[in-house]
N, C-alpha and C. Protein backbone atom coordinates (compact mmCIF):
# COMPACT_ATOMS: atom_id res chain seq x y z
N UNK A 1 12.01 5.47 -11.56
CA UNK A 1 10.91 4.66 -12.03
C UNK A 1 9.80 5.59 -12.52
N UNK A 2 9.13 5.18 -13.54
CA UNK A 2 8.04 5.95 -14.13
C UNK A 2 6.91 6.11 -13.11
N UNK A 3 6.35 7.31 -13.02
CA UNK A 3 5.29 7.60 -12.05
C UNK A 3 4.05 6.73 -12.28
N UNK A 4 3.70 6.49 -13.53
CA UNK A 4 2.53 5.66 -13.83
C UNK A 4 2.76 4.24 -13.34
N UNK A 5 3.96 3.73 -13.52
CA UNK A 5 4.30 2.37 -13.07
C UNK A 5 4.22 2.29 -11.55
N UNK A 6 4.75 3.31 -10.86
CA UNK A 6 4.69 3.34 -9.39
C UNK A 6 3.25 3.33 -8.90
N UNK A 7 2.41 4.12 -9.55
CA UNK A 7 1.01 4.23 -9.16
C UNK A 7 0.31 2.87 -9.30
N UNK A 8 0.59 2.17 -10.38
CA UNK A 8 -0.01 0.85 -10.60
C UNK A 8 0.47 -0.14 -9.54
N UNK A 9 1.77 -0.12 -9.24
CA UNK A 9 2.33 -1.03 -8.24
C UNK A 9 1.71 -0.76 -6.87
N UNK A 10 1.59 0.50 -6.51
CA UNK A 10 1.01 0.87 -5.21
C UNK A 10 -0.45 0.43 -5.12
N UNK A 11 -1.20 0.59 -6.21
CA UNK A 11 -2.59 0.14 -6.22
C UNK A 11 -2.68 -1.37 -6.05
N UNK A 12 -1.77 -2.09 -6.70
CA UNK A 12 -1.76 -3.54 -6.58
C UNK A 12 -1.41 -3.97 -5.16
N UNK A 13 -0.44 -3.33 -4.55
CA UNK A 13 -0.07 -3.66 -3.17
C UNK A 13 -1.23 -3.38 -2.23
N UNK A 14 -1.94 -2.29 -2.45
CA UNK A 14 -3.11 -1.98 -1.62
C UNK A 14 -4.19 -3.05 -1.77
N UNK A 15 -4.37 -3.56 -2.98
CA UNK A 15 -5.37 -4.62 -3.17
C UNK A 15 -4.92 -5.90 -2.48
N UNK A 16 -3.61 -6.19 -2.48
CA UNK A 16 -3.10 -7.36 -1.76
C UNK A 16 -3.36 -7.21 -0.27
N UNK A 17 -3.17 -5.98 0.22
CA UNK A 17 -3.35 -5.72 1.65
C UNK A 17 -4.82 -5.90 2.04
N UNK A 18 -5.73 -5.39 1.23
CA UNK A 18 -7.15 -5.49 1.52
C UNK A 18 -7.65 -6.93 1.44
N UNK A 19 -7.12 -7.70 0.48
CA UNK A 19 -7.56 -9.08 0.33
C UNK A 19 -6.75 -10.05 1.20
N UNK A 20 -5.78 -9.50 1.93
CA UNK A 20 -4.92 -10.27 2.84
C UNK A 20 -4.13 -11.35 2.11
N UNK A 21 -3.70 -11.04 0.89
CA UNK A 21 -2.85 -11.97 0.14
C UNK A 21 -1.45 -12.00 0.73
N UNK A 22 -1.03 -10.88 1.31
CA UNK A 22 0.26 -10.77 1.99
C UNK A 22 0.01 -10.21 3.38
N UNK A 23 0.87 -10.53 4.34
CA UNK A 23 0.72 -9.93 5.67
C UNK A 23 0.80 -8.39 5.60
N UNK A 24 0.08 -7.75 6.49
CA UNK A 24 0.00 -6.29 6.49
C UNK A 24 1.37 -5.63 6.61
N UNK A 25 2.26 -6.23 7.41
CA UNK A 25 3.60 -5.66 7.59
C UNK A 25 4.36 -5.66 6.26
N UNK A 26 4.24 -6.71 5.48
CA UNK A 26 4.92 -6.78 4.19
C UNK A 26 4.38 -5.71 3.25
N UNK A 27 3.06 -5.57 3.25
CA UNK A 27 2.45 -4.56 2.38
C UNK A 27 2.88 -3.16 2.79
N UNK A 28 2.93 -2.91 4.10
CA UNK A 28 3.36 -1.60 4.58
C UNK A 28 4.80 -1.32 4.15
N UNK A 29 5.64 -2.35 4.24
CA UNK A 29 7.04 -2.20 3.82
C UNK A 29 7.12 -1.87 2.33
N UNK A 30 6.39 -2.61 1.52
CA UNK A 30 6.42 -2.38 0.07
C UNK A 30 5.85 -1.01 -0.28
N UNK A 31 4.79 -0.60 0.41
CA UNK A 31 4.21 0.72 0.16
C UNK A 31 5.20 1.82 0.52
N UNK A 32 5.91 1.64 1.63
CA UNK A 32 6.91 2.63 2.02
C UNK A 32 8.06 2.65 1.01
N UNK A 33 8.43 1.49 0.51
CA UNK A 33 9.52 1.39 -0.45
C UNK A 33 9.15 2.08 -1.76
N UNK A 34 8.01 1.75 -2.30
CA UNK A 34 7.60 2.33 -3.58
C UNK A 34 7.07 3.75 -3.44
N UNK A 35 6.56 4.09 -2.27
CA UNK A 35 6.07 5.44 -2.02
C UNK A 35 7.15 6.37 -1.53
N UNK A 36 8.39 5.90 -1.51
CA UNK A 36 9.55 6.67 -1.07
C UNK A 36 9.37 7.18 0.35
N UNK A 37 8.92 6.28 1.24
CA UNK A 37 8.79 6.61 2.65
C UNK A 37 7.46 7.19 3.06
N UNK A 38 6.64 7.54 2.10
CA UNK A 38 5.33 8.10 2.42
C UNK A 38 4.31 6.98 2.36
N UNK A 39 3.58 6.77 3.46
CA UNK A 39 2.58 5.73 3.51
C UNK A 39 1.22 6.35 3.21
N UNK A 40 0.67 6.09 2.02
CA UNK A 40 -0.62 6.67 1.69
C UNK A 40 -1.72 6.05 2.56
N UNK A 41 -2.75 6.82 2.90
CA UNK A 41 -3.81 6.27 3.74
C UNK A 41 -4.54 5.15 3.01
N UNK A 42 -4.79 4.06 3.71
CA UNK A 42 -5.52 2.95 3.11
C UNK A 42 -6.89 2.85 3.75
N UNK A 43 -7.74 2.05 3.17
CA UNK A 43 -9.09 1.90 3.68
C UNK A 43 -9.09 1.27 5.06
N UNK A 44 -8.18 0.34 5.32
CA UNK A 44 -8.15 -0.32 6.63
C UNK A 44 -7.74 0.68 7.73
N UNK A 45 -6.86 1.62 7.42
CA UNK A 45 -6.47 2.63 8.40
C UNK A 45 -7.62 3.59 8.69
N UNK A 46 -8.42 3.90 7.67
CA UNK A 46 -9.52 4.83 7.86
C UNK A 46 -10.61 4.20 8.75
N UNK A 47 -10.89 2.91 8.54
CA UNK A 47 -11.92 2.28 9.34
C UNK A 47 -11.45 2.03 10.76
N UNK A 48 -10.16 1.80 10.95
CA UNK A 48 -9.64 1.56 12.29
C UNK A 48 -9.67 2.83 13.14
N UNK A 49 -9.52 3.99 12.50
CA UNK A 49 -9.49 5.24 13.24
C UNK A 49 -10.89 5.71 13.65
N UNK A 50 -11.93 5.15 13.05
CA UNK A 50 -13.31 5.59 13.36
C UNK A 50 -13.85 4.99 14.58
């Protein structure tokens, strides 16, 4: 898959996660799928760790 397309998809999934359009578990699964197993840090993870 094209890297630009992956980046756009990942950004869209992150926006779904932040707006709670999909359950967090689904978003995490999709992020792992499109990120090839790497879960990029999200804003919700950063605030939870503080």
